[in-house]
Each structure stands twice: as C-alpha cells, then as structure tokens.
Protein backbone atom coordinates (compact mmCIF):
# COMPACT_ATOMS: atom_id res chain seq x y z
CA ASN A 1 0.01 0.15 -0.16
CA VAL A 2 3.05 2.33 0.63
CA GLU A 3 4.41 2.14 -3.13
CA LYS A 4 0.42 3.08 -4.44
CA GLY A 5 0.79 6.27 -2.01
CA LYS A 6 -2.42 5.08 -0.06
CA ASP A 7 -0.69 4.98 3.35
CA GLN A 8 -1.30 8.84 3.09
CA LEU A 9 -5.23 7.98 2.93
CA PHE A 10 -4.54 6.13 5.82
CA LYS A 11 -2.95 8.85 7.68
CA ARG A 12 -5.58 11.31 6.73
CA LEU A 13 -8.65 9.33 7.77
CA GLY A 14 -7.05 9.07 11.27
CA GLU A 15 -5.18 5.47 10.51
CA SER A 16 -7.01 2.46 12.21
CA ALA A 17 -8.91 4.30 14.82
CA GLY A 18 -10.09 7.05 12.62
CA ILE A 19 -11.44 4.35 9.79
CA THR A 20 -13.23 2.62 12.74
CA GLN A 21 -14.82 5.56 13.85
CA LEU A 22 -16.17 6.41 9.87
CA ILE A 23 -17.54 2.66 9.82
CA ASP A 24 -19.45 3.42 12.48
CA SER A 25 -20.69 6.08 11.18
CA LEU A 26 -20.98 4.16 7.68
CA TYR A 27 -23.42 1.17 9.72
CA ASN A 28 -25.50 4.10 11.63
CA ILE A 29 -26.27 5.09 8.03
CA ALA A 30 -26.36 1.56 6.04
CA LEU A 31 -28.70 0.12 8.41
CA MET A 32 -31.03 2.92 8.02
CA ASP A 33 -30.83 2.18 4.03
CA ALA A 34 -33.82 0.60 2.84
CA ARG A 35 -31.57 -0.59 -0.26
CA ILE A 36 -28.71 -2.53 1.64
CA LYS A 37 -29.94 -2.82 5.18
CA ASP A 38 -31.20 -6.73 4.85
CA PHE A 39 -27.73 -7.58 3.58
CA LEU A 40 -25.96 -5.87 6.59
CA THR A 41 -28.40 -7.14 9.57
CA GLU A 42 -28.44 -10.64 10.22
CA HIS A 43 -24.47 -10.84 10.96
CA LYS A 44 -23.90 -7.07 11.47
CA ASP A 45 -21.05 -7.24 14.03
CA ARG A 46 -19.06 -10.15 11.66
CA ILE A 47 -19.61 -8.19 8.34
CA LYS A 48 -18.58 -5.02 9.90
CA ALA A 49 -15.32 -6.27 11.65
CA ALA A 50 -14.59 -7.93 8.28
CA GLN A 51 -15.45 -4.94 6.17
CA THR A 52 -13.21 -2.43 8.60
CA ILE A 53 -10.48 -4.80 8.22
CA TYR A 54 -10.66 -4.53 4.46
CA ILE A 55 -11.11 -1.27 3.99
CA VAL A 56 -8.27 0.04 6.32
CA GLU A 57 -6.52 -2.29 4.19
CA MET A 58 -7.64 -0.69 1.10
CA LEU A 59 -6.87 2.78 2.44
CA GLY A 60 -3.66 1.76 3.07
CA GLY A 61 -3.30 0.42 6.62
CA PRO A 62 -1.76 -2.64 7.73
CA LYS A 63 -2.61 -6.05 5.37
CA SER A 64 -4.41 -7.99 7.34
CA TYR A 65 -7.53 -9.18 5.42
CA LYS A 66 -7.99 -12.93 5.20
CA GLY A 67 -11.55 -13.33 3.91
CA LYS A 68 -12.97 -13.91 0.86
CA GLU A 69 -12.85 -12.19 -2.08
CA LEU A 70 -15.49 -9.41 -2.54
CA PRO A 71 -16.76 -10.85 -5.85
CA GLU A 72 -17.34 -13.97 -4.51
CA ILE A 73 -19.05 -12.91 -1.53
CA HIS A 74 -21.02 -10.30 -3.41
CA LYS A 75 -21.98 -12.87 -5.88
CA THR A 76 -23.17 -15.73 -3.34
CA LEU A 77 -25.67 -12.84 -1.28
CA ASN A 78 -26.92 -11.45 -4.63
CA ILE A 79 -25.35 -8.06 -4.14
CA ASN A 80 -25.28 -6.10 -7.69
CA ASP A 81 -23.88 -2.67 -8.68
CA TYR A 82 -27.32 -1.20 -7.33
CA HIS A 83 -26.15 -2.73 -4.19
CA PHE A 84 -22.64 -1.56 -4.45
CA ASP A 85 -24.13 1.63 -5.42
CA ALA A 86 -25.98 1.84 -2.18
CA PHE A 87 -23.16 1.35 -0.16
CA MET A 88 -20.74 3.52 -1.60
CA ALA A 89 -23.41 6.44 -1.80
CA ASP A 90 -23.87 5.73 2.23
CA PHE A 91 -19.70 5.62 2.46
CA ALA A 92 -19.86 8.93 0.93
CA ARG A 93 -22.28 10.44 3.52
CA ALA A 94 -20.48 9.08 6.24
CA LEU A 95 -17.37 10.93 4.87
CA MET A 96 -19.35 13.90 4.24
CA GLY A 97 -20.61 13.92 8.19
CA GLY A 98 -17.24 13.46 9.62
CA GLY A 99 -16.29 16.51 8.03
CA HIS A 100 -13.86 15.56 5.40
CA PRO A 101 -12.83 17.53 2.96
CA GLU A 102 -14.85 16.83 -0.96
CA ALA A 103 -11.13 15.96 -2.47
CA LEU A 104 -10.26 13.36 0.28
CA ILE A 105 -13.82 12.24 -0.06
CA ASP A 106 -13.53 11.61 -3.72
CA GLU A 107 -10.03 9.87 -3.69
CA VAL A 108 -11.16 7.11 -0.83
CA LEU A 109 -14.60 6.25 -2.76
CA VAL A 110 -12.11 5.85 -5.99
CA SER A 111 -9.84 3.88 -3.92
CA LEU A 112 -12.71 1.37 -2.94
CA GLU A 113 -14.12 0.86 -6.17
CA PRO A 114 -13.39 -2.68 -7.67
C-alpha cells in the first residue's frame, strides 16, 4: 500500500482508529438504508468487523484481511452494482458527516471501487 501512495489516505483518515469510527458512522447510515440494510443486519457484527479490516487495508493500512474475495461474497449474496452503489453513497455520506474535505472523499471512493 505504501508503493501506491495509499498510506497517506490511511493517515489522513486517522489511521485504524479513524477508519473504525468512520465505519461506525457508515453502519448508522447503512442500517437505515432500505436498499442494503437486509444484507447487513443478520450478521452485522461479523460483517462490520471484516469490512473494517478490509477497508483499512484498501485505504493504505496494514495488510491483514484474510477473508474471501469481494466478488465471491457479493455473488453468493446476490449483491449487484445497485447495492454496491448504495453502499458507496452511504460511505460518502459518512465521510461528509465526519467533516472530511470533498477532495479526500473523492479519493477514498475511487480507492474503494473494484
């Protein structure tokens, strides 16, 4: 992640603690979103923990995600582009709610695109 310059994203978001707080905000939004909440509610704590580790890694943090590849998970759950876009819109709302500048929000969203 250092070679891609993403470590700076990780630092600008407050490292693991900041990203964990961001994911908490994201879940407050996503669990109210009728488009995607059903994918998150049944195993919320497990999904949230895995997503936090994955997103920390994707944004330049330590490489520690050991779960399945996202396309495999999404296919199994019938998560399509519509659902992914809804999740990303909620992610943007969480970033805005955290007071992050628009340029950083754009950079984060692009970094998380498959």
